Amino acid sequence: MDSDYVFKILLIGDSGVGKSSLMLNFTDECFTETYISTIGVDFKIRTLEVDGKTVRLQIWDTAGQERFKTITTAYYRNANGILIIYDITDKDSFKNVSKWLEDIDHYSNEKVYKVLVGNKADLHPKRAVDYAEAKNFADTHNISLMETSAKTSNNVEQLFATLASDLKHASENGHIKDDTPTITINAGSSHKKQGCFCS
């Protein structure tokens, strides 16, 4: 069945912040404690209904390590939305958000939608990044902020549903085009996650 809208969503951020876990929680309702680093890119699809229309999200999970940068930056170009993810218990991952935003400015189109995502909110007692600090940073860069937990599913569905709705309305208003080309799965290197057992 054809979708009314197709949007490409890119997940970026330091290695270990939970990009893969967020994607798998949203697409497969799945979470694993086992950490396996993404090699290159991984890819999932989920279709949502927004205002009576079908919106297909092509979700691309990128490797956070510097050595994969040549591979991963190639995927920025046609992205409609980018989630910049940091770990609320890892101050360095938040500090590096500025670097990820520079990559977006360099490799993406200027109309790409950006959302700052503070993941691992379930580890609140170990918080190293204050919400107010992150909110101030997001406001300064004119992007929205949401804290999530891939482990408890807190705000995960809301994150992607809100992004899908925003992109749909932007497309209707002519601010973006949902002209994402058909993408072959083997474009670039990908690595399947193991150990994600869903009930």
Protein backbone atom coordinates (compact mmCIF):
# COMPACT_ATOMS: atom_id res chain seq x y z
CA MET A 1 0.00 0.00 0.00
CA ASP A 2 1.37 3.39 -1.00
CA SER A 3 1.83 6.03 1.67
CA ASP A 4 0.56 9.59 1.38
CA TYR A 5 3.87 10.91 2.69
CA VAL A 6 7.37 9.45 2.92
CA PHE A 7 9.96 11.09 5.13
CA LYS A 8 13.56 10.16 5.81
CA ILE A 9 14.61 10.49 9.47
CA LEU A 10 18.25 10.37 10.50
CA LEU A 11 19.44 9.51 14.02
CA ILE A 12 22.83 10.98 14.90
CA GLY A 13 24.88 11.41 18.06
CA ASP A 14 27.82 9.94 19.92
CA SER A 15 28.33 6.20 20.13
CA GLY A 16 26.44 4.65 23.04
CA VAL A 17 23.75 7.31 23.51
CA GLY A 18 20.98 4.89 22.52
CA LYS A 19 20.24 5.69 18.87
CA SER A 20 19.68 2.05 17.94
CA SER A 21 17.60 1.44 21.06
CA LEU A 22 15.32 4.38 20.22
CA MET A 23 14.84 3.14 16.67
CA LEU A 24 14.13 -0.44 17.74
CA ASN A 25 11.75 0.67 20.48
CA PHE A 26 9.75 2.70 17.98
CA THR A 27 9.76 0.25 15.06
CA ASP A 28 9.78 -3.12 16.87
CA GLU A 29 8.64 -2.22 20.42
CA CYS A 30 11.89 -3.79 21.52
CA PHE A 31 14.68 -3.05 24.00
CA THR A 32 17.84 -4.89 24.95
CA GLU A 33 20.48 -4.13 27.56
CA THR A 34 23.10 -5.60 25.21
CA TYR A 35 25.13 -2.89 23.52
CA ILE A 36 26.24 -3.60 19.97
CA SER A 37 27.78 -0.71 18.08
CA THR A 38 26.23 0.17 14.72
CA ILE A 39 28.63 -0.28 11.81
CA GLY A 40 27.89 2.30 9.13
CA VAL A 41 24.09 2.58 9.07
CA ASP A 42 21.03 0.54 9.98
CA PHE A 43 17.56 1.04 8.56
CA LYS A 44 13.95 0.53 9.68
CA ILE A 45 10.52 1.63 8.46
CA ARG A 46 7.31 2.36 10.30
CA THR A 47 4.09 3.84 8.96
CA LEU A 48 1.89 6.09 11.10
CA GLU A 49 -1.53 7.61 10.54
CA VAL A 50 -1.55 11.39 10.93
CA ASP A 51 -4.79 13.33 10.42
CA GLY A 52 -6.22 10.48 8.36
CA LYS A 53 -3.14 10.26 6.11
CA THR A 54 -0.47 7.57 6.06
CA VAL A 55 3.03 8.78 6.83
CA ARG A 56 5.91 6.41 6.22
CA LEU A 57 9.05 7.11 8.21
CA GLN A 58 12.31 5.72 6.86
CA ILE A 59 14.50 5.74 9.95
CA TRP A 60 18.26 5.63 9.52
CA ASP A 61 20.44 4.83 12.52
CA THR A 62 24.02 6.00 11.99
CA ALA A 63 27.28 4.98 13.61
CA GLY A 64 28.58 7.50 16.14
CA GLN A 65 32.26 6.68 15.72
CA GLU A 66 34.45 9.11 13.82
CA ARG A 67 35.84 6.35 11.59
CA PHE A 68 32.42 5.89 9.96
CA LYS A 69 31.90 9.59 9.27
CA THR A 70 32.54 9.28 5.53
CA ILE A 71 29.78 6.69 5.28
CA THR A 72 27.25 8.32 7.57
CA THR A 73 27.47 11.91 6.33
CA ALA A 74 26.37 10.72 2.88
CA TYR A 75 22.95 10.03 4.41
CA TYR A 76 22.42 13.61 5.63
CA ARG A 77 21.67 15.05 2.22
CA ASN A 78 18.13 13.77 1.64
CA ALA A 79 17.02 13.74 5.27
CA ASN A 80 13.75 15.49 6.10
CA GLY A 81 14.25 15.24 9.85
CA ILE A 82 17.28 14.68 12.05
CA LEU A 83 17.26 13.62 15.69
CA ILE A 84 20.42 14.72 17.51
CA ILE A 85 20.66 12.35 20.44
CA TYR A 86 22.68 12.65 23.63
CA ASP A 87 22.76 10.64 26.86
CA ILE A 88 21.51 12.63 29.87
CA THR A 89 24.07 10.80 32.04
CA ASP A 90 27.01 11.62 29.74
CA LYS A 91 28.05 15.28 29.71
CA ASP A 92 30.49 14.78 26.83
CA SER A 93 27.74 13.43 24.57
CA PHE A 94 25.84 16.67 25.21
CA LYS A 95 28.89 18.85 24.62
CA ASN A 96 29.38 17.10 21.28
CA VAL A 97 25.89 18.10 20.10
CA SER A 98 27.47 21.31 18.78
CA LYS A 99 29.73 19.22 16.55
CA TRP A 100 26.77 17.22 15.26
CA LEU A 101 24.91 20.45 14.47
CA GLU A 102 27.92 21.64 12.49
CA ASP A 103 27.77 18.41 10.47
CA ILE A 104 24.08 19.03 9.79
CA ASP A 105 24.82 22.56 8.58
CA HIS A 106 27.56 21.24 6.33
CA TYR A 107 25.92 18.13 4.87
CA SER A 108 22.13 18.61 5.08
CA ASN A 109 19.64 20.82 3.31
CA GLU A 110 18.78 24.04 5.13
CA LYS A 111 15.10 23.12 5.65
CA VAL A 112 15.76 19.88 7.53
CA TYR A 113 13.79 19.56 10.78
CA LYS A 114 15.98 19.09 13.85
CA VAL A 115 15.06 17.77 17.29
CA LEU A 116 17.43 17.52 20.25
CA VAL A 117 16.80 14.30 22.16
CA GLY A 118 18.05 13.60 25.68
CA ASN A 119 17.90 9.81 25.96
CA LYS A 120 18.16 7.48 28.99
CA ALA A 121 15.76 9.59 31.05
CA ASP A 122 15.09 6.49 33.17
CA LEU A 123 18.58 7.00 34.64
CA HIS A 124 17.51 10.32 36.18
CA PRO A 125 19.48 9.78 39.43
CA LYS A 126 22.67 9.67 37.34
CA ARG A 127 21.76 12.76 35.35
CA ALA A 128 24.78 14.81 34.23
CA VAL A 129 22.94 17.16 31.85
CA ASP A 130 20.37 19.41 33.49
CA TYR A 131 17.12 19.76 31.55
CA ALA A 132 17.20 23.55 31.87
CA GLU A 133 20.70 23.63 30.36
CA ALA A 134 19.62 21.47 27.44
CA LYS A 135 16.46 23.55 26.94
CA ASN A 136 18.48 26.75 26.87
CA PHE A 137 20.84 25.23 24.29
CA ALA A 138 17.92 24.04 22.15
CA ASP A 139 16.19 27.44 22.32
CA THR A 140 19.43 29.18 21.35
CA HIS A 141 19.66 26.98 18.25
CA ASN A 142 15.93 27.25 17.50
CA ILE A 143 15.29 23.52 17.78
CA SER A 144 12.90 21.56 19.98
CA LEU A 145 13.96 19.33 22.87
CA MET A 146 12.49 16.10 24.17
CA GLU A 147 13.79 13.68 26.78
CA THR A 148 13.15 10.00 26.16
CA SER A 149 13.83 6.55 27.53
CA ALA A 150 14.21 3.70 25.07
CA LYS A 151 14.15 1.33 28.05
CA THR A 152 10.80 2.43 29.51
CA SER A 153 9.42 3.77 26.19
CA ASN A 154 8.83 7.15 27.80
CA ASN A 155 8.16 9.77 25.08
CA VAL A 156 9.49 7.53 22.27
CA GLU A 157 6.18 7.22 20.43
CA GLN A 158 5.45 10.90 21.06
CA LEU A 159 8.85 11.91 19.67
CA PHE A 160 8.35 10.22 16.31
CA ALA A 161 4.62 10.97 16.08
CA THR A 162 5.24 14.68 16.69
CA LEU A 163 8.01 14.72 14.11
CA ALA A 164 5.80 12.92 11.57
CA SER A 165 3.00 15.43 12.16
CA ASP A 166 5.34 18.42 11.90
CA LEU A 167 6.86 17.12 8.66
CA LYS A 168 3.43 16.40 7.17
CA HIS A 169 2.23 19.93 7.90
CA ALA A 170 5.48 21.43 6.61
CA SER A 171 5.06 19.43 3.40
CA GLU A 172 1.47 20.61 3.01
CA ASN A 173 2.61 24.20 3.42
CA GLY A 174 5.34 23.78 0.83
CA HIS A 175 8.18 24.17 3.33
CA ILE A 176 9.63 20.76 2.50
CA LYS A 177 9.09 18.11 -0.14
CA ASP A 178 8.40 14.50 0.76
CA ASP A 179 10.30 13.44 -2.35
CA THR A 180 12.64 11.02 -0.64
CA PRO A 181 13.85 8.66 -3.37
CA THR A 182 13.42 4.93 -3.13
CA ILE A 183 16.41 3.69 -1.19
CA THR A 184 18.16 0.36 -1.58
CA ILE A 185 18.79 -1.29 1.76
CA ASN A 186 22.34 -2.33 0.87
CA ALA A 187 23.43 1.24 0.14
CA GLY A 188 26.35 1.64 2.50
CA SER A 189 27.33 -0.71 5.27
CA SER A 190 24.88 -1.92 7.88
CA HIS A 191 25.01 -4.26 10.82
CA LYS A 192 22.02 -6.12 12.22
CA LYS A 193 21.49 -5.91 15.94
CA GLN A 194 21.50 -9.15 17.88
CA GLY A 195 19.98 -10.03 21.21
CA CYS A 196 16.79 -7.98 20.98
CA PHE A 197 14.16 -10.34 22.26
CA CYS A 198 10.65 -8.92 22.22
CA SER A 199 7.72 -10.53 23.94
